[in-house]
C-alpha atoms as a PDB file:
ATOM      1  CA  MET A   1      20.034 141.920 139.872  1.00  0.00           C
ATOM      2  CA  SER A   2      18.385 145.182 140.924  1.00  0.00           C
ATOM      3  CA  THR A   3      14.945 143.605 140.763  1.00  0.00           C
ATOM      4  CA  VAL A   4      16.029 140.887 143.182  1.00  0.00           C
ATOM      5  CA  LEU A   5      17.358 143.527 145.566  1.00  0.00           C
ATOM      6  CA  ILE A   6      14.115 145.507 145.411  1.00  0.00           C
ATOM      7  CA  LEU A   7      12.017 142.398 146.019  1.00  0.00           C
ATOM      8  CA  GLY A   8      14.224 141.479 148.974  1.00  0.00           C
ATOM      9  CA  VAL A   9      13.790 144.890 150.565  1.00  0.00           C
ATOM     10  CA  VAL A  10      10.017 144.784 150.034  1.00  0.00           C
ATOM     11  CA  ALA A  11       9.854 141.325 151.606  1.00  0.00           C
ATOM     12  CA  ALA A  12      11.903 142.513 154.577  1.00  0.00           C
ATOM     13  CA  ALA A  13       9.670 145.557 155.056  1.00  0.00           C
ATOM     14  CA  LEU A  14       6.549 143.388 154.952  1.00  0.00           C
ATOM     15  CA  LEU A  15       8.086 140.967 157.435  1.00  0.00           C
ATOM     16  CA  VAL A  16       8.829 143.834 159.806  1.00  0.00           C
ATOM     17  CA  LEU A  17       5.250 145.112 159.478  1.00  0.00           C
ATOM     18  CA  VAL A  18       3.699 141.712 160.147  1.00  0.00           C
ATOM     19  CA  ARG A  19       6.028 140.999 163.043  1.00  0.00           C
ATOM     20  CA  ARG A  20       5.399 144.387 164.647  1.00  0.00           C
ATOM     21  CA  SER A  21       1.627 144.018 164.339  1.00  0.00           C
ATOM     22  CA  ASN A  22       1.757 140.576 166.011  1.00  0.00           C
ATOM     23  CA  VAL A  23       3.924 141.812 168.870  1.00  0.00           C
ATOM     24  CA  ARG A  24       1.799 144.894 169.388  1.00  0.00           C
ATOM     25  CA  GLY A  25      -1.352 142.792 169.648  1.00  0.00           C
ATOM     26  CA  THR A  26       0.024 140.529 172.385  1.00  0.00           C
ATOM     27  CA  LEU A  27       1.673 143.216 174.516  1.00  0.00           C
ATOM     28  CA  HIS A  28       0.153 146.201 176.240  1.00  0.00           C
ATOM     29  CA  ASN A  29      -0.878 149.173 174.138  1.00  0.00           C
ATOM     30  CA  ASP A  30       2.342 151.124 174.461  1.00  0.00           C
ATOM     31  CA  GLU A  31       2.641 153.452 171.477  1.00  0.00           C
ATOM     32  CA  ARG A  32       6.174 154.644 172.142  1.00  0.00           C
ATOM     33  CA  GLY A  33       8.459 154.177 169.175  1.00  0.00           C
ATOM     34  CA  GLU A  34       5.582 154.018 166.711  1.00  0.00           C
ATOM     35  CA  VAL A  35       6.653 157.248 165.024  1.00  0.00           C
ATOM     36  CA  THR A  36      10.201 155.949 164.604  1.00  0.00           C
ATOM     37  CA  GLU A  37       8.870 152.753 163.065  1.00  0.00           C
ATOM     38  CA  LYS A  38       6.718 154.692 160.610  1.00  0.00           C
ATOM     39  CA  VAL A  39       9.625 156.935 159.641  1.00  0.00           C
ATOM     40  CA  ILE A  40      11.854 153.921 158.984  1.00  0.00           C
ATOM     41  CA  ILE A  41       9.181 152.151 156.935  1.00  0.00           C
ATOM     42  CA  THR A  42       8.484 155.333 154.973  1.00  0.00           C
ATOM     43  CA  ALA A  43      12.209 155.687 154.275  1.00  0.00           C
ATOM     44  CA  LEU A  44      12.349 152.068 153.054  1.00  0.00           C
ATOM     45  CA  PHE A  45       9.465 152.610 150.667  1.00  0.00           C
ATOM     46  CA  ALA A  46      10.976 155.901 149.453  1.00  0.00           C
ATOM     47  CA  ALA A  47      14.236 154.054 148.745  1.00  0.00           C
ATOM     48  CA  LEU A  48      12.296 151.368 146.863  1.00  0.00           C
ATOM     49  CA  ALA A  49      10.509 154.022 144.804  1.00  0.00           C
ATOM     50  CA  LEU A  50      13.807 155.715 143.942  1.00  0.00           C
ATOM     51  CA  GLY A  51      15.313 152.367 142.973  1.00  0.00           C
ATOM     52  CA  ALA A  52      12.349 151.506 140.761  1.00  0.00           C
ATOM     53  CA  ALA A  53      12.417 154.950 139.126  1.00  0.00           C
ATOM     54  CA  THR A  54      16.139 154.573 138.462  1.00  0.00           C
ATOM     55  CA  ILE A  55      15.701 151.157 136.860  1.00  0.00           C
ATOM     56  CA  ILE A  56      12.818 152.383 134.692  1.00  0.00           C
ATOM     57  CA  THR A  57      14.773 155.469 133.630  1.00  0.00           C
ATOM     58  CA  LEU A  58      17.814 153.384 132.683  1.00  0.00           C
ATOM     59  CA  LYS A  59      15.750 150.923 130.652  1.00  0.00           C
ATOM     60  CA  VAL A  60      13.827 153.680 128.825  1.00  0.00           C
ATOM     61  CA  THR A  61      17.072 155.536 128.090  1.00  0.00           C
ATOM     62  CA  GLN A  62      18.714 152.371 126.732  1.00  0.00           C
ATOM     63  CA  LYS A  63      15.717 151.685 124.507  1.00  0.00           C
ATOM     64  CA  ALA A  64      15.614 155.282 123.264  1.00  0.00           C
ATOM     65  CA  GLU A  65      19.326 155.237 122.436  1.00  0.00           C
ATOM     66  CA  SER A  66      18.900 152.028 120.416  1.00  0.00           C
ATOM     67  CA  ILE A  67      16.361 153.649 118.063  1.00  0.00           C
ATOM     68  CA  PRO A  68      18.057 154.548 114.773  1.00  0.00           C
ATOM     69  CA  THR A  69      17.768 158.256 113.967  1.00  0.00           C
ATOM     70  CA  GLU A  70      19.926 158.472 110.830  1.00  0.00           C
ATOM     71  CA  ALA A  71      18.121 159.190 107.574  1.00  0.00           C
ATOM     72  CA  PRO A  72      18.288 156.344 105.052  1.00  0.00           C
ATOM     73  CA  ALA A  73      20.819 156.806 102.246  1.00  0.00           C
ATOM     74  CA  GLN A  74      19.330 158.471  99.184  1.00  0.00           C
ATOM     75  CA  GLN A  75      19.279 156.358  96.038  1.00  0.00           C
ATOM     76  CA  GLY A  76      18.905 159.130  93.504  1.00  0.00           C
ATOM     77  CA  ASP A  77      15.976 161.179  92.294  1.00  0.00           C
ATOM     78  CA  GLY A  78      14.306 158.379  90.348  1.00  0.00           C
ATOM     79  CA  LEU A  79      15.151 159.752  86.897  1.00  0.00           C
ATOM     80  CA  GLY A  80      17.355 156.888  85.917  1.00  0.00           C
ATOM     81  CA  GLU A  81      20.663 158.253  87.085  1.00  0.00           C
END
């Protein structure tokens, strides 16, 4: 479920970038608001990075917790007991 959410946000960010570049090319070269756009896009990518790091951390932790750490039961000293 989280992967679908991350992919959706990435797709939305790419759509915004493509749309903004097309609009900017057809209109006059007004650079107002460009900083705001970059801050928003940077925030989106930071959120994606945090989401990916969280998912990776959870999966690694789950895998590490599933590794058995108990010593096997001892069967004697091999002297025929």
